Amino acid sequence: IRTTYIGINENGIKGIWCGFKPEKAII
């Protein structure tokens, strides 16, 4: 089981992160 995160990074860019959660992103 892996978690995919969808959100906005610290620079305001939307992104998708697979398998890890970025520290400074808004999920």
PDB file of all heavy atoms in Angstrom:
ATOM      1  N   ILE A   1       0.861  -1.182   0.000  1.00  0.00           N
ATOM      2  CA  ILE A   1       0.000   0.000   0.000  1.00  0.00           C
ATOM      3  C   ILE A   1       0.896   1.229   0.000  1.00  0.00           C
ATOM      4  O   ILE A   1       1.815   1.333   0.817  1.00  0.00           O
ATOM      5  CB  ILE A   1      -0.928   0.023   1.225  1.00  0.00           C
ATOM      6  CG1 ILE A   1      -1.929  -1.119   1.128  1.00  0.00           C
ATOM      7  CG2 ILE A   1      -1.647   1.360   1.325  1.00  0.00           C
ATOM      8  CD1 ILE A   1      -2.873  -1.214   2.301  1.00  0.00           C
ATOM      9  N   ARG A   2       0.641   2.140  -0.955  1.00  0.00           N
ATOM     10  CA  ARG A   2       1.362   3.407  -1.015  1.00  0.00           C
ATOM     11  C   ARG A   2       0.343   4.532  -1.043  1.00  0.00           C
ATOM     12  O   ARG A   2      -0.743   4.373  -1.594  1.00  0.00           O
ATOM     13  CB  ARG A   2       2.220   3.487  -2.278  1.00  0.00           C
ATOM     14  CG  ARG A   2       3.408   2.571  -2.259  1.00  0.00           C
ATOM     15  CD  ARG A   2       4.271   2.816  -3.471  1.00  0.00           C
ATOM     16  NE  ARG A   2       4.383   1.555  -4.183  1.00  0.00           N
ATOM     17  CZ  ARG A   2       4.656   1.434  -5.457  1.00  0.00           C
ATOM     18  NH1 ARG A   2       4.828   2.484  -6.206  1.00  0.00           N
ATOM     19  NH2 ARG A   2       4.752   0.251  -6.017  1.00  0.00           N
ATOM     20  N   THR A   3       0.716   5.662  -0.483  1.00  0.00           N
ATOM     21  CA  THR A   3      -0.162   6.821  -0.491  1.00  0.00           C
ATOM     22  C   THR A   3       0.339   7.830  -1.509  1.00  0.00           C
ATOM     23  O   THR A   3       1.533   8.125  -1.563  1.00  0.00           O
ATOM     24  CB  THR A   3      -0.239   7.468   0.902  1.00  0.00           C
ATOM     25  OG1 THR A   3      -0.662   6.470   1.838  1.00  0.00           O
ATOM     26  CG2 THR A   3      -1.212   8.620   0.926  1.00  0.00           C
ATOM     27  N   THR A   4      -0.578   8.344  -2.320  1.00  0.00           N
ATOM     28  CA  THR A   4      -0.278   9.391  -3.289  1.00  0.00           C
ATOM     29  C   THR A   4      -0.899  10.679  -2.770  1.00  0.00           C
ATOM     30  O   THR A   4      -2.074  10.702  -2.401  1.00  0.00           O
ATOM     31  CB  THR A   4      -0.858   9.026  -4.673  1.00  0.00           C
ATOM     32  OG1 THR A   4      -0.211   7.842  -5.128  1.00  0.00           O
ATOM     33  CG2 THR A   4      -0.645  10.143  -5.672  1.00  0.00           C
ATOM     34  N   TYR A   5      -0.096  11.735  -2.725  1.00  0.00           N
ATOM     35  CA  TYR A   5      -0.547  13.028  -2.209  1.00  0.00           C
ATOM     36  C   TYR A   5      -0.711  14.013  -3.353  1.00  0.00           C
ATOM     37  O   TYR A   5       0.150  14.108  -4.226  1.00  0.00           O
ATOM     38  CB  TYR A   5       0.457  13.576  -1.198  1.00  0.00           C
ATOM     39  CG  TYR A   5       0.634  12.679   0.001  1.00  0.00           C
ATOM     40  CD1 TYR A   5       1.662  11.740   0.047  1.00  0.00           C
ATOM     41  CD2 TYR A   5      -0.244  12.745   1.070  1.00  0.00           C
ATOM     42  CE1 TYR A   5       1.814  10.898   1.136  1.00  0.00           C
ATOM     43  CE2 TYR A   5      -0.097  11.911   2.166  1.00  0.00           C
ATOM     44  CZ  TYR A   5       0.932  10.992   2.188  1.00  0.00           C
ATOM     45  OH  TYR A   5       1.070  10.161   3.270  1.00  0.00           O
ATOM     46  N   ILE A   6      -1.808  14.770  -3.329  1.00  0.00           N
ATOM     47  CA  ILE A   6      -2.080  15.798  -4.329  1.00  0.00           C
ATOM     48  C   ILE A   6      -2.173  17.112  -3.577  1.00  0.00           C
ATOM     49  O   ILE A   6      -2.907  17.215  -2.585  1.00  0.00           O
ATOM     50  CB  ILE A   6      -3.392  15.498  -5.073  1.00  0.00           C
ATOM     51  CG1 ILE A   6      -3.292  14.122  -5.744  1.00  0.00           C
ATOM     52  CG2 ILE A   6      -3.709  16.589  -6.086  1.00  0.00           C
ATOM     53  CD1 ILE A   6      -4.600  13.574  -6.236  1.00  0.00           C
ATOM     54  N   GLY A   7      -1.422  18.116  -4.038  1.00  0.00           N
ATOM     55  CA  GLY A   7      -1.445  19.384  -3.320  1.00  0.00           C
ATOM     56  C   GLY A   7      -0.641  20.461  -4.005  1.00  0.00           C
ATOM     57  O   GLY A   7      -0.394  20.411  -5.209  1.00  0.00           O
ATOM     58  N   ILE A   8      -0.212  21.431  -3.207  1.00  0.00           N
ATOM     59  CA  ILE A   8       0.525  22.595  -3.701  1.00  0.00           C
ATOM     60  C   ILE A   8       1.823  22.700  -2.918  1.00  0.00           C
ATOM     61  O   ILE A   8       1.810  22.691  -1.681  1.00  0.00           O
ATOM     62  CB  ILE A   8      -0.312  23.881  -3.531  1.00  0.00           C
ATOM     63  CG1 ILE A   8      -1.650  23.737  -4.285  1.00  0.00           C
ATOM     64  CG2 ILE A   8       0.455  25.100  -4.020  1.00  0.00           C
ATOM     65  CD1 ILE A   8      -2.642  24.838  -3.998  1.00  0.00           C
ATOM     66  N   ASN A   9       2.961  22.805  -3.635  1.00  0.00           N
ATOM     67  CA  ASN A   9       4.249  22.872  -2.933  1.00  0.00           C
ATOM     68  C   ASN A   9       4.509  24.281  -2.395  1.00  0.00           C
ATOM     69  O   ASN A   9       3.701  25.198  -2.583  1.00  0.00           O
ATOM     70  CB  ASN A   9       5.399  22.373  -3.819  1.00  0.00           C
ATOM     71  CG  ASN A   9       5.741  23.311  -4.957  1.00  0.00           C
ATOM     72  OD1 ASN A   9       5.276  24.448  -5.033  1.00  0.00           O
ATOM     73  ND2 ASN A   9       6.569  22.838  -5.869  1.00  0.00           N
ATOM     74  N   GLU A  10       5.643  24.471  -1.757  1.00  0.00           N
ATOM     75  CA  GLU A  10       5.970  25.745  -1.104  1.00  0.00           C
ATOM     76  C   GLU A  10       6.120  26.896  -2.092  1.00  0.00           C
ATOM     77  O   GLU A  10       6.052  28.059  -1.705  1.00  0.00           O
ATOM     78  CB  GLU A  10       7.239  25.598  -0.279  1.00  0.00           C
ATOM     79  CG  GLU A  10       8.434  25.161  -1.094  1.00  0.00           C
ATOM     80  CD  GLU A  10       9.614  24.753  -0.238  1.00  0.00           C
ATOM     81  OE1 GLU A  10       9.404  24.185   0.841  1.00  0.00           O
ATOM     82  OE2 GLU A  10      10.740  25.009  -0.679  1.00  0.00           O
ATOM     83  N   ASN A  11       6.282  26.582  -3.389  1.00  0.00           N
ATOM     84  CA  ASN A  11       6.393  27.626  -4.421  1.00  0.00           C
ATOM     85  C   ASN A  11       5.056  27.911  -5.092  1.00  0.00           C
ATOM     86  O   ASN A  11       5.001  28.649  -6.073  1.00  0.00           O
ATOM     87  CB  ASN A  11       7.417  27.215  -5.483  1.00  0.00           C
ATOM     88  CG  ASN A  11       8.805  27.059  -4.891  1.00  0.00           C
ATOM     89  OD1 ASN A  11       9.205  27.812  -4.014  1.00  0.00           O
ATOM     90  ND2 ASN A  11       9.527  26.049  -5.341  1.00  0.00           N
ATOM     91  N   GLY A  12       3.986  27.308  -4.614  1.00  0.00           N
ATOM     92  CA  GLY A  12       2.657  27.539  -5.168  1.00  0.00           C
ATOM     93  C   GLY A  12       2.345  26.705  -6.404  1.00  0.00           C
ATOM     94  O   GLY A  12       1.370  26.978  -7.098  1.00  0.00           O
ATOM     95  N   ILE A  13       3.146  25.691  -6.681  1.00  0.00           N
ATOM     96  CA  ILE A  13       2.950  24.851  -7.859  1.00  0.00           C
ATOM     97  C   ILE A  13       2.213  23.581  -7.449  1.00  0.00           C
ATOM     98  O   ILE A  13       2.610  22.910  -6.492  1.00  0.00           O
ATOM     99  CB  ILE A  13       4.297  24.508  -8.520  1.00  0.00           C
ATOM    100  CG1 ILE A  13       4.981  25.798  -8.967  1.00  0.00           C
ATOM    101  CG2 ILE A  13       4.114  23.551  -9.684  1.00  0.00           C
ATOM    102  CD1 ILE A  13       6.397  25.614  -9.443  1.00  0.00           C
ATOM    103  N   LYS A  14       1.141  23.255  -8.199  1.00  0.00           N
ATOM    104  CA  LYS A  14       0.389  22.026  -7.922  1.00  0.00           C
ATOM    105  C   LYS A  14       1.231  20.822  -8.295  1.00  0.00           C
ATOM    106  O   LYS A  14       1.974  20.852  -9.261  1.00  0.00           O
ATOM    107  CB  LYS A  14      -0.921  22.005  -8.698  1.00  0.00           C
ATOM    108  CG  LYS A  14      -1.932  22.989  -8.169  1.00  0.00           C
ATOM    109  CD  LYS A  14      -3.278  22.786  -8.805  1.00  0.00           C
ATOM    110  CE  LYS A  14      -4.265  23.720  -8.108  1.00  0.00           C
ATOM    111  NZ  LYS A  14      -5.632  23.306  -8.327  1.00  0.00           N
ATOM    112  N   GLY A  15       1.091  19.762  -7.509  1.00  0.00           N
ATOM    113  CA  GLY A  15       1.877  18.568  -7.784  1.00  0.00           C
ATOM    114  C   GLY A  15       1.243  17.313  -7.231  1.00  0.00           C
ATOM    115  O   GLY A  15       0.273  17.357  -6.478  1.00  0.00           O
ATOM    116  N   ILE A  16       1.823  16.185  -7.651  1.00  0.00           N
ATOM    117  CA  ILE A  16       1.426  14.870  -7.167  1.00  0.00           C
ATOM    118  C   ILE A  16       2.684  14.184  -6.669  1.00  0.00           C
ATOM    119  O   ILE A  16       3.685  14.129  -7.385  1.00  0.00           O
ATOM    120  CB  ILE A  16       0.775  14.034  -8.291  1.00  0.00           C
ATOM    121  CG1 ILE A  16      -0.488  14.728  -8.795  1.00  0.00           C
ATOM    122  CG2 ILE A  16       0.472  12.627  -7.812  1.00  0.00           C
ATOM    123  CD1 ILE A  16      -1.111  14.056  -9.995  1.00  0.00           C
ATOM    124  N   TRP A  17       2.655  13.681  -5.436  1.00  0.00           N
ATOM    125  CA  TRP A  17       3.802  13.001  -4.848  1.00  0.00           C
ATOM    126  C   TRP A  17       3.390  11.577  -4.522  1.00  0.00           C
ATOM    127  O   TRP A  17       2.444  11.347  -3.776  1.00  0.00           O
ATOM    128  CB  TRP A  17       4.254  13.731  -3.589  1.00  0.00           C
ATOM    129  CG  TRP A  17       4.699  15.129  -3.861  1.00  0.00           C
ATOM    130  CD1 TRP A  17       5.952  15.530  -4.211  1.00  0.00           C
ATOM    131  CD2 TRP A  17       3.895  16.312  -3.821  1.00  0.00           C
ATOM    132  NE1 TRP A  17       5.975  16.891  -4.394  1.00  0.00           N
ATOM    133  CE2 TRP A  17       4.725  17.397  -4.161  1.00  0.00           C
ATOM    134  CE3 TRP A  17       2.552  16.567  -3.538  1.00  0.00           C
ATOM    135  CZ2 TRP A  17       4.258  18.703  -4.219  1.00  0.00           C
ATOM    136  CZ3 TRP A  17       2.085  17.862  -3.598  1.00  0.00           C
ATOM    137  CH2 TRP A  17       2.936  18.914  -3.941  1.00  0.00           C
ATOM    138  N   CYS A  18       4.093  10.632  -5.090  1.00  0.00           N
ATOM    139  CA  CYS A  18       3.761   9.213  -4.909  1.00  0.00           C
ATOM    140  C   CYS A  18       4.725   8.579  -3.918  1.00  0.00           C
ATOM    141  O   CYS A  18       5.931   8.589  -4.125  1.00  0.00           O
ATOM    142  CB  CYS A  18       3.839   8.471  -6.238  1.00  0.00           C
ATOM    143  SG  CYS A  18       2.704   9.131  -7.465  1.00  0.00           S
ATOM    144  N   GLY A  19       4.194   8.045  -2.836  1.00  0.00           N
ATOM    145  CA  GLY A  19       5.006   7.307  -1.888  1.00  0.00           C
ATOM    146  C   GLY A  19       5.661   8.139  -0.805  1.00  0.00           C
ATOM    147  O   GLY A  19       6.239   7.591   0.117  1.00  0.00           O
ATOM    148  N   PHE A  20       5.631   9.458  -0.905  1.00  0.00           N
ATOM    149  CA  PHE A  20       6.186  10.290   0.169  1.00  0.00           C
ATOM    150  C   PHE A  20       5.380  11.574   0.271  1.00  0.00           C
ATOM    151  O   PHE A  20       4.782  12.032  -0.686  1.00  0.00           O
ATOM    152  CB  PHE A  20       7.662  10.613  -0.076  1.00  0.00           C
ATOM    153  CG  PHE A  20       7.899  11.619  -1.170  1.00  0.00           C
ATOM    154  CD1 PHE A  20       8.080  12.964  -0.865  1.00  0.00           C
ATOM    155  CD2 PHE A  20       7.928  11.226  -2.500  1.00  0.00           C
ATOM    156  CE1 PHE A  20       8.286  13.891  -1.874  1.00  0.00           C
ATOM    157  CE2 PHE A  20       8.144  12.151  -3.512  1.00  0.00           C
ATOM    158  CZ  PHE A  20       8.322  13.489  -3.199  1.00  0.00           C
ATOM    159  N   LYS A  21       5.371  12.138   1.463  1.00  0.00           N
ATOM    160  CA  LYS A  21       4.633  13.373   1.715  1.00  0.00           C
ATOM    161  C   LYS A  21       5.637  14.499   1.912  1.00  0.00           C
ATOM    162  O   LYS A  21       6.435  14.461   2.848  1.00  0.00           O
ATOM    163  CB  LYS A  21       3.768  13.205   2.966  1.00  0.00           C
ATOM    164  CG  LYS A  21       2.907  14.393   3.278  1.00  0.00           C
ATOM    165  CD  LYS A  21       2.051  14.105   4.509  1.00  0.00           C
ATOM    166  CE  LYS A  21       1.171  15.266   4.862  1.00  0.00           C
ATOM    167  NZ  LYS A  21       0.370  14.993   6.058  1.00  0.00           N
ATOM    168  N   PRO A  22       5.631  15.502   1.027  1.00  0.00           N
ATOM    169  CA  PRO A  22       6.559  16.620   1.188  1.00  0.00           C
ATOM    170  C   PRO A  22       6.244  17.412   2.462  1.00  0.00           C
ATOM    171  O   PRO A  22       5.086  17.573   2.829  1.00  0.00           O
ATOM    172  CB  PRO A  22       6.338  17.459  -0.063  1.00  0.00           C
ATOM    173  CG  PRO A  22       5.023  17.044  -0.599  1.00  0.00           C
ATOM    174  CD  PRO A  22       4.761  15.659  -0.128  1.00  0.00           C
ATOM    175  N   GLU A  23       7.295  17.867   3.121  1.00  0.00           N
ATOM    176  CA  GLU A  23       7.118  18.540   4.408  1.00  0.00           C
ATOM    177  C   GLU A  23       6.411  19.886   4.297  1.00  0.00           C
ATOM    178  O   GLU A  23       5.595  20.221   5.134  1.00  0.00           O
ATOM    179  CB  GLU A  23       8.484  18.742   5.068  1.00  0.00           C
ATOM    180  CG  GLU A  23       9.126  17.457   5.512  1.00  0.00           C
ATOM    181  CD  GLU A  23      10.468  17.691   6.164  1.00  0.00           C
ATOM    182  OE1 GLU A  23      10.750  18.823   6.594  1.00  0.00           O
ATOM    183  OE2 GLU A  23      11.244  16.726   6.250  1.00  0.00           O
ATOM    184  N   LYS A  24       6.723  20.666   3.277  1.00  0.00           N
ATOM    185  CA  LYS A  24       6.222  22.034   3.211  1.00  0.00           C
ATOM    186  C   LYS A  24       5.103  22.225   2.197  1.00  0.00           C
ATOM    187  O   LYS A  24       4.865  23.328   1.746  1.00  0.00           O
ATOM    188  CB  LYS A  24       7.369  22.985   2.890  1.00  0.00           C
ATOM    189  CG  LYS A  24       8.438  22.996   3.961  1.00  0.00           C
ATOM    190  CD  LYS A  24       9.536  23.970   3.644  1.00  0.00           C
ATOM    191  CE  LYS A  24      10.600  23.934   4.723  1.00  0.00           C
ATOM    192  NZ  LYS A  24      11.677  24.877   4.444  1.00  0.00           N
ATOM    193  N   ALA A  25       4.408  21.169   1.832  1.00  0.00           N
ATOM    194  CA  ALA A  25       3.318  21.272   0.864  1.00  0.00           C
ATOM    195  C   ALA A  25       1.973  21.315   1.577  1.00  0.00           C
ATOM    196  O   ALA A  25       1.819  20.804   2.686  1.00  0.00           O
ATOM    197  CB  ALA A  25       3.349  20.092  -0.097  1.00  0.00           C
ATOM    198  N   ILE A  26       1.011  21.929   0.919  1.00  0.00           N
ATOM    199  CA  ILE A  26      -0.366  21.909   1.397  1.00  0.00           C
ATOM    200  C   ILE A  26      -1.040  20.740   0.688  1.00  0.00           C
ATOM    201  O   ILE A  26      -1.191  20.745  -0.534  1.00  0.00           O
ATOM    202  CB  ILE A  26      -1.092  23.232   1.067  1.00  0.00           C
ATOM    203  CG1 ILE A  26      -0.389  24.402   1.759  1.00  0.00           C
ATOM    204  CG2 ILE A  26      -2.556  23.154   1.457  1.00  0.00           C
ATOM    205  CD1 ILE A  26      -0.866  25.770   1.296  1.00  0.00           C
ATOM    206  N   ILE A  27      -1.403  19.725   1.436  1.00  0.00           N
ATOM    207  CA  ILE A  27      -1.987  18.520   0.854  1.00  0.00           C
ATOM    208  C   ILE A  27      -3.500  18.713   0.741  1.00  0.00           C
ATOM    209  O   ILE A  27      -4.186  18.950   1.731  1.00  0.00           O
ATOM    210  CB  ILE A  27      -1.664  17.271   1.703  1.00  0.00           C
ATOM    211  CG1 ILE A  27      -0.148  17.105   1.844  1.00  0.00           C
ATOM    212  CG2 ILE A  27      -2.310  16.032   1.113  1.00  0.00           C
ATOM    213  CD1 ILE A  27       0.613  16.990   0.540  1.00  0.00           C
TER     214      ILE A  27
END
